[in-house]
Amino acid sequence: MPRGATAIDLAYAVHTDIGNRCVAARINYELALPQAELNNGDRVEIVTEPNAVPNPTWLSYVKTARARSQIRHFLKTMRGEESRALGERLLEHQLRALGAGETEIPAEKWDKLLRESGAKTRQEILSDIGLGKRLAAIVARKLLAISDHSATEGKPPGSIVIRGSEGMAVQFAKCCSPIPGDPILGFIKKGQGLVVHTHDCPTARKSRGDPEKWIDVEWDPDTDRMFDVSIRVALLDQRGVLAKVAAAIAGAGCNITNVSVNTDRSKYAINYFTVQVANRMHLARLMRTLRRIPEVVRILRTKD
């Protein structure tokens, strides 16, 4: 292994599947992150999980060409599959709004669309829709031979259901960090696919000019993942209070992914936490828990 190689490099050197499913390592019997650097003589055990996938940030840590190549290949393949699945949902959504379903489109209509668009396969068009390179509304109209200026549209389209498990094909906007329970809307952004914002997001409000790129979305009631949200906590600047707050956050079933502290000459310390919650109710419970701490002066959710 080259100097500076990590546990991830070693995992991919052993086998591609080991690298793809790596979640941690034990280096000299001590648990370590996958990106931990290795030294001569280290005894390394790779810890894997069946459903784990490579993290895109690994590309900035790995040192071997094999590891870098395998990570990029997996991410490209996964992104393609996820974007096709999202594109199929978006197209079906538009076709239903025009009074048809994807299964009702005859093969010759698809063949004509492929010739006119220059795409090689139907999957390529669906992937382009999922990545925002083509608008589902325009593709749906072409399949049904309806003019863009036609007023003969069917019922208003329903909402696209966001499960939170769509992977890289669906992005949650950093400017507002939506979580289940927030009213949301979706924006089709070229190269990124569907970007989900909260309804009151100022950034989304500035981009409302093209209605074709905005679609109604709603949360699946059974989302089963955690979402990042930021909170601002003003504390009395006393010894041990930060540890007390961190323990309360962990006790509420939330993970802390980032923390920063701003202190000045006053008696208060302003703490910014990025925590993971399941939904708005989970966040509300966390905030109630933190308000019970005597040293907590004020707490609020922050955006952007």
C-alpha atoms as a PDB file:
ATOM      1  CA  MET A   1       0.000   0.000   0.000  1.00  0.00           C
ATOM      2  CA  PRO A   2       1.303   3.543  -0.717  1.00  0.00           C
ATOM      3  CA  ARG A   3       2.175   5.902   2.118  1.00  0.00           C
ATOM      4  CA  GLY A   4      -0.983   7.531   3.506  1.00  0.00           C
ATOM      5  CA  ALA A   5      -3.231   4.683   2.351  1.00  0.00           C
ATOM      6  CA  THR A   6      -6.441   4.243   4.312  1.00  0.00           C
ATOM      7  CA  ALA A   7      -8.551   1.341   5.518  1.00  0.00           C
ATOM      8  CA  ILE A   8     -10.771   1.985   2.474  1.00  0.00           C
ATOM      9  CA  ASP A   9      -7.786   1.386   0.162  1.00  0.00           C
ATOM     10  CA  LEU A  10      -7.078  -1.901   1.906  1.00  0.00           C
ATOM     11  CA  ALA A  11     -10.735  -2.962   1.711  1.00  0.00           C
ATOM     12  CA  TYR A  12     -10.797  -2.470  -2.071  1.00  0.00           C
ATOM     13  CA  ALA A  13      -7.431  -4.217  -2.399  1.00  0.00           C
ATOM     14  CA  VAL A  14      -8.952  -7.289  -0.761  1.00  0.00           C
ATOM     15  CA  HIS A  15     -12.151  -7.330  -2.853  1.00  0.00           C
ATOM     16  CA  THR A  16     -14.464  -4.794  -4.515  1.00  0.00           C
ATOM     17  CA  ASP A  17     -17.483  -6.007  -2.520  1.00  0.00           C
ATOM     18  CA  ILE A  18     -15.538  -5.586   0.730  1.00  0.00           C
ATOM     19  CA  GLY A  19     -14.741  -1.992  -0.212  1.00  0.00           C
ATOM     20  CA  ASN A  20     -18.303  -1.178  -1.270  1.00  0.00           C
ATOM     21  CA  ARG A  21     -19.730  -2.481   2.011  1.00  0.00           C
ATOM     22  CA  CYS A  22     -17.057  -1.065   4.325  1.00  0.00           C
ATOM     23  CA  VAL A  23     -18.451   0.952   7.268  1.00  0.00           C
ATOM     24  CA  ALA A  24     -15.506   0.960   9.698  1.00  0.00           C
ATOM     25  CA  ALA A  25     -12.223  -0.695  10.550  1.00  0.00           C
ATOM     26  CA  ARG A  26     -10.488  -2.093  13.582  1.00  0.00           C
ATOM     27  CA  ILE A  27      -6.863  -1.035  13.527  1.00  0.00           C
ATOM     28  CA  ASN A  28      -4.770  -2.860  16.126  1.00  0.00           C
ATOM     29  CA  TYR A  29      -8.059  -3.957  17.758  1.00  0.00           C
ATOM     30  CA  GLU A  30      -9.377  -0.369  18.102  1.00  0.00           C
ATOM     31  CA  LEU A  31     -12.424   0.836  16.154  1.00  0.00           C
ATOM     32  CA  ALA A  32     -11.601   3.498  13.540  1.00  0.00           C
ATOM     33  CA  LEU A  33     -13.248   5.326  10.646  1.00  0.00           C
ATOM     34  CA  PRO A  34     -12.857   3.848   7.140  1.00  0.00           C
ATOM     35  CA  GLN A  35     -10.703   6.821   6.091  1.00  0.00           C
ATOM     36  CA  ALA A  36      -8.214   6.247   8.920  1.00  0.00           C
ATOM     37  CA  GLU A  37      -4.614   6.125   7.613  1.00  0.00           C
ATOM     38  CA  LEU A  38      -2.608   2.943   8.016  1.00  0.00           C
ATOM     39  CA  ASN A  39       0.966   2.492   9.228  1.00  0.00           C
ATOM     40  CA  ASN A  40       3.513  -0.257   8.712  1.00  0.00           C
ATOM     41  CA  GLY A  41       2.761  -3.254  10.886  1.00  0.00           C
ATOM     42  CA  ASP A  42      -0.872  -2.370  11.596  1.00  0.00           C
ATOM     43  CA  ARG A  43      -3.294  -5.259  12.070  1.00  0.00           C
ATOM     44  CA  VAL A  44      -6.462  -4.265  10.220  1.00  0.00           C
ATOM     45  CA  GLU A  45      -9.932  -5.778  10.252  1.00  0.00           C
ATOM     46  CA  ILE A  46     -12.502  -4.367   7.824  1.00  0.00           C
ATOM     47  CA  VAL A  47     -16.027  -4.037   9.255  1.00  0.00           C
ATOM     48  CA  THR A  48     -18.806  -4.401   6.648  1.00  0.00           C
ATOM     49  CA  GLU A  49     -22.591  -4.206   6.504  1.00  0.00           C
ATOM     50  CA  PRO A  50     -24.727  -5.861   3.798  1.00  0.00           C
ATOM     51  CA  ASN A  51     -26.632  -2.686   2.854  1.00  0.00           C
ATOM     52  CA  ALA A  52     -23.739  -0.207   3.058  1.00  0.00           C
ATOM     53  CA  VAL A  53     -22.664   1.759  -0.039  1.00  0.00           C
ATOM     54  CA  PRO A  54     -19.566   3.871  -0.778  1.00  0.00           C
ATOM     55  CA  ASN A  55     -19.553   7.459   0.416  1.00  0.00           C
ATOM     56  CA  PRO A  56     -18.684  10.039  -2.291  1.00  0.00           C
ATOM     57  CA  THR A  57     -16.396  11.829   0.203  1.00  0.00           C
ATOM     58  CA  TRP A  58     -14.117   8.771   0.179  1.00  0.00           C
ATOM     59  CA  LEU A  59     -12.711  10.005  -3.131  1.00  0.00           C
ATOM     60  CA  SER A  60     -10.859  12.747  -1.244  1.00  0.00           C
ATOM     61  CA  TYR A  61      -9.239  10.239   1.128  1.00  0.00           C
ATOM     62  CA  VAL A  62      -8.196   7.207  -0.896  1.00  0.00           C
ATOM     63  CA  LYS A  63      -4.674   6.915  -2.292  1.00  0.00           C
ATOM     64  CA  THR A  64      -4.855   3.907  -4.623  1.00  0.00           C
ATOM     65  CA  ALA A  65      -6.102   4.047  -8.208  1.00  0.00           C
ATOM     66  CA  ARG A  66      -8.062   0.810  -7.721  1.00  0.00           C
ATOM     67  CA  ALA A  67     -10.090   2.202  -4.818  1.00  0.00           C
ATOM     68  CA  ARG A  68     -10.774   5.485  -6.621  1.00  0.00           C
ATOM     69  CA  SER A  69     -11.840   3.692  -9.807  1.00  0.00           C
ATOM     70  CA  GLN A  70     -14.172   1.269  -8.013  1.00  0.00           C
ATOM     71  CA  ILE A  71     -15.820   4.031  -5.954  1.00  0.00           C
ATOM     72  CA  ARG A  72     -16.459   6.140  -9.074  1.00  0.00           C
ATOM     73  CA  HIS A  73     -17.831   3.142 -10.958  1.00  0.00           C
ATOM     74  CA  PHE A  74     -20.240   2.260  -8.155  1.00  0.00           C
ATOM     75  CA  LEU A  75     -21.451   5.854  -7.701  1.00  0.00           C
ATOM     76  CA  LYS A  76     -21.974   6.305 -11.446  1.00  0.00           C
ATOM     77  CA  THR A  77     -23.938   3.056 -11.689  1.00  0.00           C
ATOM     78  CA  MET A  78     -26.016   3.838  -8.604  1.00  0.00           C
ATOM     79  CA  ARG A  79     -26.716   7.391  -9.795  1.00  0.00           C
ATOM     80  CA  GLY A  80     -27.847   6.047 -13.180  1.00  0.00           C
ATOM     81  CA  GLU A  81     -30.243   3.536 -11.625  1.00  0.00           C
ATOM     82  CA  GLU A  82     -31.657   6.084  -9.176  1.00  0.00           C
ATOM     83  CA  SER A  83     -32.088   8.784 -11.825  1.00  0.00           C
ATOM     84  CA  ARG A  84     -33.928   6.334 -14.138  1.00  0.00           C
ATOM     85  CA  ALA A  85     -36.281   5.338 -11.332  1.00  0.00           C
ATOM     86  CA  LEU A  86     -36.968   8.981 -10.498  1.00  0.00           C
ATOM     87  CA  GLY A  87     -37.416   9.854 -14.183  1.00  0.00           C
ATOM     88  CA  GLU A  88     -39.980   7.091 -14.555  1.00  0.00           C
ATOM     89  CA  ARG A  89     -41.940   8.440 -11.581  1.00  0.00           C
ATOM     90  CA  LEU A  90     -41.830  12.014 -12.906  1.00  0.00           C
ATOM     91  CA  LEU A  91     -42.945  10.974 -16.390  1.00  0.00           C
ATOM     92  CA  GLU A  92     -45.757   8.796 -15.042  1.00  0.00           C
ATOM     93  CA  HIS A  93     -46.837  11.749 -12.921  1.00  0.00           C
ATOM     94  CA  GLN A  94     -47.103  14.026 -15.976  1.00  0.00           C
ATOM     95  CA  LEU A  95     -48.804  11.415 -18.166  1.00  0.00           C
ATOM     96  CA  ARG A  96     -51.484  10.877 -15.524  1.00  0.00           C
ATOM     97  CA  ALA A  97     -52.071  14.634 -15.477  1.00  0.00           C
ATOM     98  CA  LEU A  98     -52.672  14.475 -19.245  1.00  0.00           C
ATOM     99  CA  GLY A  99     -55.119  11.607 -18.890  1.00  0.00           C
ATOM    100  CA  ALA A 100     -52.804   8.717 -19.785  1.00  0.00           C
ATOM    101  CA  GLY A 101     -50.352   6.313 -18.210  1.00  0.00           C
ATOM    102  CA  GLU A 102     -46.916   5.198 -19.302  1.00  0.00           C
ATOM    103  CA  THR A 103     -48.163   1.674 -19.964  1.00  0.00           C
ATOM    104  CA  GLU A 104     -50.661   3.081 -22.497  1.00  0.00           C
ATOM    105  CA  ILE A 105     -47.971   4.667 -24.717  1.00  0.00           C
ATOM    106  CA  PRO A 106     -47.505   2.501 -27.842  1.00  0.00           C
ATOM    107  CA  ALA A 107     -43.991   1.402 -28.818  1.00  0.00           C
ATOM    108  CA  GLU A 108     -44.056   3.396 -32.073  1.00  0.00           C
ATOM    109  CA  LYS A 109     -44.525   6.643 -30.096  1.00  0.00           C
ATOM    110  CA  TRP A 110     -41.442   5.820 -28.055  1.00  0.00           C
ATOM    111  CA  ASP A 111     -39.497   4.949 -31.228  1.00  0.00           C
ATOM    112  CA  LYS A 112     -40.447   8.286 -32.803  1.00  0.00           C
ATOM    113  CA  LEU A 113     -39.393  10.159 -29.656  1.00  0.00           C
ATOM    114  CA  LEU A 114     -36.029   8.371 -29.627  1.00  0.00           C
ATOM    115  CA  ARG A 115     -35.385   9.336 -33.269  1.00  0.00           C
ATOM    116  CA  GLU A 116     -36.342  12.974 -32.690  1.00  0.00           C
ATOM    117  CA  SER A 117     -34.410  13.348 -29.439  1.00  0.00           C
ATOM    118  CA  GLY A 118     -31.247  11.533 -30.482  1.00  0.00           C
ATOM    119  CA  ALA A 119     -31.431   9.248 -27.466  1.00  0.00           C
ATOM    120  CA  LYS A 120     -30.478   5.596 -27.911  1.00  0.00           C
ATOM    121  CA  THR A 121     -32.828   3.966 -25.422  1.00  0.00           C
ATOM    122  CA  ARG A 122     -35.937   4.678 -23.376  1.00  0.00           C
ATOM    123  CA  GLN A 123     -33.807   4.287 -20.234  1.00  0.00           C
ATOM    124  CA  GLU A 124     -31.575   7.140 -21.405  1.00  0.00           C
ATOM    125  CA  ILE A 125     -34.579   9.470 -21.664  1.00  0.00           C
ATOM    126  CA  LEU A 126     -35.835   8.431 -18.233  1.00  0.00           C
ATOM    127  CA  SER A 127     -32.368   9.007 -16.774  1.00  0.00           C
ATOM    128  CA  ASP A 128     -32.211  12.456 -18.399  1.00  0.00           C
ATOM    129  CA  ILE A 129     -35.576  13.319 -16.841  1.00  0.00           C
ATOM    130  CA  GLY A 130     -34.349  12.202 -13.428  1.00  0.00           C
ATOM    131  CA  LEU A 131     -31.191  14.309 -13.779  1.00  0.00           C
ATOM    132  CA  GLY A 132     -33.114  17.365 -14.942  1.00  0.00           C
ATOM    133  CA  LYS A 133     -31.680  17.313 -18.473  1.00  0.00           C
ATOM    134  CA  ARG A 134     -35.174  16.890 -19.940  1.00  0.00           C
ATOM    135  CA  LEU A 135     -38.491  18.108 -18.564  1.00  0.00           C
ATOM    136  CA  ALA A 136     -41.025  15.370 -17.894  1.00  0.00           C
ATOM    137  CA  ALA A 137     -43.876  17.667 -18.995  1.00  0.00           C
ATOM    138  CA  ILE A 138     -42.358  18.162 -22.461  1.00  0.00           C
ATOM    139  CA  VAL A 139     -41.549  14.466 -22.921  1.00  0.00           C
ATOM    140  CA  ALA A 140     -45.101  13.545 -21.875  1.00  0.00           C
ATOM    141  CA  ARG A 141     -46.614  15.974 -24.389  1.00  0.00           C
ATOM    142  CA  LYS A 142     -44.426  14.637 -27.189  1.00  0.00           C
ATOM    143  CA  LEU A 143     -45.398  11.057 -26.391  1.00  0.00           C
ATOM    144  CA  LEU A 144     -49.052  12.055 -26.532  1.00  0.00           C
ATOM    145  CA  ALA A 145     -48.510  14.393 -29.522  1.00  0.00           C
ATOM    146  CA  ILE A 146     -49.941  17.363 -27.618  1.00  0.00           C
ATOM    147  CA  SER A 147     -48.674  20.850 -28.444  1.00  0.00           C
ATOM    148  CA  ASP A 148     -46.863  22.776 -25.713  1.00  0.00           C
ATOM    149  CA  HIS A 149     -49.518  25.475 -26.147  1.00  0.00           C
ATOM    150  CA  SER A 150     -52.462  23.098 -26.053  1.00  0.00           C
ATOM    151  CA  ALA A 151     -55.176  23.820 -23.527  1.00  0.00           C
ATOM    152  CA  THR A 152     -56.544  20.269 -23.624  1.00  0.00           C
ATOM    153  CA  GLU A 153     -54.819  19.080 -20.476  1.00  0.00           C
ATOM    154  CA  GLY A 154     -56.380  16.571 -18.153  1.00  0.00           C
ATOM    155  CA  LYS A 155     -56.767  16.732 -14.412  1.00  0.00           C
ATOM    156  CA  PRO A 156     -54.176  18.618 -12.333  1.00  0.00           C
ATOM    157  CA  PRO A 157     -51.227  16.370 -11.481  1.00  0.00           C
ATOM    158  CA  GLY A 158     -51.015  14.903  -8.020  1.00  0.00           C
ATOM    159  CA  SER A 159     -47.945  15.076  -5.824  1.00  0.00           C
ATOM    160  CA  ILE A 160     -44.730  13.090  -6.138  1.00  0.00           C
ATOM    161  CA  VAL A 161     -44.187  11.148  -2.918  1.00  0.00           C
ATOM    162  CA  ILE A 162     -40.738  11.602  -1.353  1.00  0.00           C
ATOM    163  CA  ARG A 163     -39.625   8.578   0.617  1.00  0.00           C
ATOM    164  CA  GLY A 164     -36.170   9.844   1.607  1.00  0.00           C
ATOM    165  CA  SER A 165     -34.578   6.677   0.213  1.00  0.00           C
ATOM    166  CA  GLU A 166     -34.198   7.817  -3.408  1.00  0.00           C
ATOM    167  CA  GLY A 167     -30.443   8.284  -2.980  1.00  0.00           C
ATOM    168  CA  MET A 168     -28.523  10.742  -5.135  1.00  0.00           C
ATOM    169  CA  ALA A 169     -31.421  11.311  -7.557  1.00  0.00           C
ATOM    170  CA  VAL A 170     -33.262  13.434  -4.964  1.00  0.00           C
ATOM    171  CA  GLN A 171     -31.385  16.238  -3.205  1.00  0.00           C
ATOM    172  CA  PHE A 172     -32.544  18.022  -0.054  1.00  0.00           C
ATOM    173  CA  ALA A 173     -31.680  21.705  -0.389  1.00  0.00           C
ATOM    174  CA  LYS A 174     -28.988  22.925   2.000  1.00  0.00           C
ATOM    175  CA  CYS A 175     -30.547  26.388   2.069  1.00  0.00           C
ATOM    176  CA  CYS A 176     -33.605  25.188   4.020  1.00  0.00           C
ATOM    177  CA  SER A 177     -32.851  21.566   5.065  1.00  0.00           C
ATOM    178  CA  PRO A 178     -36.398  20.156   4.751  1.00  0.00           C
ATOM    179  CA  ILE A 179     -37.416  17.326   7.068  1.00  0.00           C
ATOM    180  CA  PRO A 180     -40.564  15.148   7.068  1.00  0.00           C
ATOM    181  CA  GLY A 181     -43.465  17.240   8.310  1.00  0.00           C
ATOM    182  CA  ASP A 182     -42.298  20.413   6.542  1.00  0.00           C
ATOM    183  CA  PRO A 183     -44.483  21.599   3.639  1.00  0.00           C
ATOM    184  CA  ILE A 184     -42.262  21.039   0.599  1.00  0.00           C
ATOM    185  CA  LEU A 185     -42.014  21.552  -3.145  1.00  0.00           C
ATOM    186  CA  GLY A 186     -39.638  20.149  -5.756  1.00  0.00           C
ATOM    187  CA  PHE A 187     -37.479  21.869  -8.352  1.00  0.00           C
ATOM    188  CA  ILE A 188     -36.000  20.061 -11.365  1.00  0.00           C
ATOM    189  CA  LYS A 189     -32.398  21.256 -11.567  1.00  0.00           C
ATOM    190  CA  LYS A 190     -30.253  20.306 -14.535  1.00  0.00           C
ATOM    191  CA  GLY A 191     -27.550  17.800 -13.626  1.00  0.00           C
ATOM    192  CA  GLN A 192     -28.859  17.297 -10.091  1.00  0.00           C
ATOM    193  CA  GLY A 193     -32.364  15.968 -10.611  1.00  0.00           C
ATOM    194  CA  LEU A 194     -35.103  16.764  -8.124  1.00  0.00           C
ATOM    195  CA  VAL A 195     -34.140  19.275  -5.415  1.00  0.00           C
ATOM    196  CA  VAL A 196     -36.579  19.475  -2.487  1.00  0.00           C
ATOM    197  CA  HIS A 197     -37.155  22.826  -0.707  1.00  0.00           C
ATOM    198  CA  THR A 198     -39.476  23.965   2.060  1.00  0.00           C
ATOM    199  CA  HIS A 199     -42.447  26.064   0.894  1.00  0.00           C
ATOM    200  CA  ASP A 200     -41.142  29.183   2.642  1.00  0.00           C
ATOM    201  CA  CYS A 201     -37.534  28.870   1.411  1.00  0.00           C
ATOM    202  CA  PRO A 202     -36.282  32.309   0.187  1.00  0.00           C
ATOM    203  CA  THR A 203     -33.945  30.644  -2.320  1.00  0.00           C
ATOM    204  CA  ALA A 204     -36.821  28.681  -3.836  1.00  0.00           C
ATOM    205  CA  ARG A 205     -38.960  31.829  -3.997  1.00  0.00           C
ATOM    206  CA  LYS A 206     -36.352  33.535  -6.185  1.00  0.00           C
ATOM    207  CA  SER A 207     -36.440  30.626  -8.683  1.00  0.00           C
ATOM    208  CA  ARG A 208     -40.210  30.430  -9.207  1.00  0.00           C
ATOM    209  CA  GLY A 209     -39.965  31.906 -12.731  1.00  0.00           C
ATOM    210  CA  ASP A 210     -40.239  28.626 -14.689  1.00  0.00           C
ATOM    211  CA  PRO A 211     -43.380  26.732 -13.571  1.00  0.00           C
ATOM    212  CA  GLU A 212     -42.470  23.728 -15.760  1.00  0.00           C
ATOM    213  CA  LYS A 213     -39.561  22.968 -13.432  1.00  0.00           C
ATOM    214  CA  TRP A 214     -41.593  23.048 -10.215  1.00  0.00           C
ATOM    215  CA  ILE A 215     -43.683  20.103  -9.097  1.00  0.00           C
ATOM    216  CA  ASP A 216     -45.763  19.355  -6.018  1.00  0.00           C
ATOM    217  CA  VAL A 217     -44.134  16.865  -3.692  1.00  0.00           C
ATOM    218  CA  GLU A 218     -45.165  15.413  -0.369  1.00  0.00           C
ATOM    219  CA  TRP A 219     -43.572  13.208   2.254  1.00  0.00           C
ATOM    220  CA  ASP A 220     -44.243   9.518   2.443  1.00  0.00           C
ATOM    221  CA  PRO A 221     -45.706   8.971   5.948  1.00  0.00           C
ATOM    222  CA  ASP A 222     -43.388   5.994   6.426  1.00  0.00           C
ATOM    223  CA  THR A 223     -39.960   7.546   5.762  1.00  0.00           C
ATOM    224  CA  ASP A 224     -37.360   5.470   7.576  1.00  0.00           C
ATOM    225  CA  ARG A 225     -34.184   7.565   7.446  1.00  0.00           C
ATOM    226  CA  MET A 226     -32.716  10.450   9.438  1.00  0.00           C
ATOM    227  CA  PHE A 227     -32.455  14.011   8.099  1.00  0.00           C
ATOM    228  CA  ASP A 228     -29.997  16.784   8.908  1.00  0.00           C
ATOM    229  CA  VAL A 229     -31.361  19.906  10.584  1.00  0.00           C
ATOM    230  CA  SER A 230     -29.558  22.844  12.198  1.00  0.00           C
ATOM    231  CA  ILE A 231     -30.383  24.357  15.583  1.00  0.00           C
ATOM    232  CA  ARG A 232     -28.985  27.405  17.364  1.00  0.00           C
ATOM    233  CA  VAL A 233     -28.652  27.116  21.146  1.00  0.00           C
ATOM    234  CA  ALA A 234     -27.745  30.047  23.386  1.00  0.00           C
ATOM    235  CA  LEU A 235     -26.175  28.804  26.619  1.00  0.00           C
ATOM    236  CA  LEU A 236     -24.838  30.286  29.804  1.00  0.00           C
ATOM    237  CA  ASP A 237     -21.078  30.029  29.346  1.00  0.00           C
ATOM    238  CA  GLN A 238     -20.328  27.603  32.181  1.00  0.00           C
ATOM    239  CA  ARG A 239     -18.006  24.644  32.504  1.00  0.00           C
ATOM    240  CA  GLY A 240     -19.481  21.322  31.395  1.00  0.00           C
ATOM    241  CA  VAL A 241     -22.646  22.753  29.845  1.00  0.00           C
ATOM    242  CA  LEU A 242     -21.727  21.737  26.281  1.00  0.00           C
ATOM    243  CA  ALA A 243     -21.259  18.131  27.385  1.00  0.00           C
ATOM    244  CA  LYS A 244     -24.649  18.283  29.119  1.00  0.00           C
ATOM    245  CA  VAL A 245     -26.340  19.496  25.932  1.00  0.00           C
ATOM    246  CA  ALA A 246     -24.579  16.849  23.810  1.00  0.00           C
ATOM    247  CA  ALA A 247     -25.720  14.129  26.201  1.00  0.00           C
ATOM    248  CA  ALA A 248     -29.318  15.404  26.032  1.00  0.00           C
ATOM    249  CA  ILE A 249     -29.224  15.359  22.216  1.00  0.00           C
ATOM    250  CA  ALA A 250     -27.938  11.780  22.218  1.00  0.00           C
ATOM    251  CA  GLY A 251     -30.566  10.826  24.802  1.00  0.00           C
ATOM    252  CA  ALA A 252     -33.287  12.135  22.495  1.00  0.00           C
ATOM    253  CA  GLY A 253     -32.193   9.647  19.816  1.00  0.00           C
ATOM    254  CA  CYS A 254     -30.424  12.206  17.617  1.00  0.00           C
ATOM    255  CA  ASN A 255     -26.953  12.058  16.103  1.00  0.00           C
ATOM    256  CA  ILE A 256     -24.730  15.157  16.111  1.00  0.00           C
ATOM    257  CA  THR A 257     -22.994  15.547  12.729  1.00  0.00           C
ATOM    258  CA  ASN A 258     -21.475  18.988  13.300  1.00  0.00           C
ATOM    259  CA  VAL A 259     -21.073  21.552  16.080  1.00  0.00           C
ATOM    260  CA  SER A 260     -19.540  25.020  16.251  1.00  0.00           C
ATOM    261  CA  VAL A 261     -19.352  27.480  19.119  1.00  0.00           C
ATOM    262  CA  ASN A 262     -19.272  31.282  19.069  1.00  0.00           C
ATOM    263  CA  THR A 263     -18.273  32.932  22.316  1.00  0.00           C
ATOM    264  CA  ASP A 264     -17.801  36.593  23.112  1.00  0.00           C
ATOM    265  CA  ARG A 265     -17.132  38.616  26.219  1.00  0.00           C
ATOM    266  CA  SER A 266     -20.699  38.221  27.429  1.00  0.00           C
ATOM    267  CA  LYS A 267     -21.848  35.413  29.670  1.00  0.00           C
ATOM    268  CA  TYR A 268     -23.495  33.564  26.763  1.00  0.00           C
ATOM    269  CA  ALA A 269     -22.134  31.032  24.276  1.00  0.00           C
ATOM    270  CA  ILE A 270     -23.923  30.545  20.948  1.00  0.00           C
ATOM    271  CA  ASN A 271     -23.769  26.925  19.792  1.00  0.00           C
ATOM    272  CA  TYR A 272     -24.739  25.725  16.323  1.00  0.00           C
ATOM    273  CA  PHE A 273     -25.555  22.024  16.076  1.00  0.00           C
ATOM    274  CA  THR A 274     -26.331  19.960  12.988  1.00  0.00           C
ATOM    275  CA  VAL A 275     -28.337  17.008  14.241  1.00  0.00           C
ATOM    276  CA  GLN A 276     -30.176  14.149  12.581  1.00  0.00           C
ATOM    277  CA  VAL A 277     -33.895  13.734  13.249  1.00  0.00           C
ATOM    278  CA  ALA A 278     -36.632  11.550  11.805  1.00  0.00           C
ATOM    279  CA  ASN A 279     -39.249  14.313  11.360  1.00  0.00           C
ATOM    280  CA  ARG A 280     -40.608  17.572  12.792  1.00  0.00           C
ATOM    281  CA  MET A 281     -42.172  15.814  15.790  1.00  0.00           C
ATOM    282  CA  HIS A 282     -38.794  14.301  16.622  1.00  0.00           C
ATOM    283  CA  LEU A 283     -37.213  17.764  16.359  1.00  0.00           C
ATOM    284  CA  ALA A 284     -39.912  19.253  18.600  1.00  0.00           C
ATOM    285  CA  ARG A 285     -39.259  16.592  21.254  1.00  0.00           C
ATOM    286  CA  LEU A 286     -35.529  17.328  21.077  1.00  0.00           C
ATOM    287  CA  MET A 287     -36.082  21.063  21.521  1.00  0.00           C
ATOM    288  CA  ARG A 288     -38.396  20.479  24.501  1.00  0.00           C
ATOM    289  CA  THR A 289     -35.732  18.279  26.059  1.00  0.00           C
ATOM    290  CA  LEU A 290     -33.052  20.939  25.611  1.00  0.00           C
ATOM    291  CA  ARG A 291     -35.270  23.695  27.055  1.00  0.00           C
ATOM    292  CA  ARG A 292     -35.404  21.744  30.321  1.00  0.00           C
ATOM    293  CA  ILE A 293     -31.656  22.279  30.792  1.00  0.00           C
ATOM    294  CA  PRO A 294     -31.303  25.288  33.173  1.00  0.00           C
ATOM    295  CA  GLU A 295     -28.325  26.728  31.275  1.00  0.00           C
ATOM    296  CA  VAL A 296     -30.215  26.856  27.955  1.00  0.00           C
ATOM    297  CA  VAL A 297     -31.328  30.445  27.390  1.00  0.00           C
ATOM    298  CA  ARG A 298     -32.807  30.174  23.901  1.00  0.00           C
ATOM    299  CA  ILE A 299     -33.102  27.547  21.180  1.00  0.00           C
ATOM    300  CA  LEU A 300     -34.375  27.770  17.608  1.00  0.00           C
ATOM    301  CA  ARG A 301     -34.156  25.971  14.297  1.00  0.00           C
ATOM    302  CA  THR A 302     -31.932  27.712  11.747  1.00  0.00           C
ATOM    303  CA  LYS A 303     -31.891  27.593   7.964  1.00  0.00           C
ATOM    304  CA  ASP A 304     -29.234  28.545   5.411  1.00  0.00           C
END
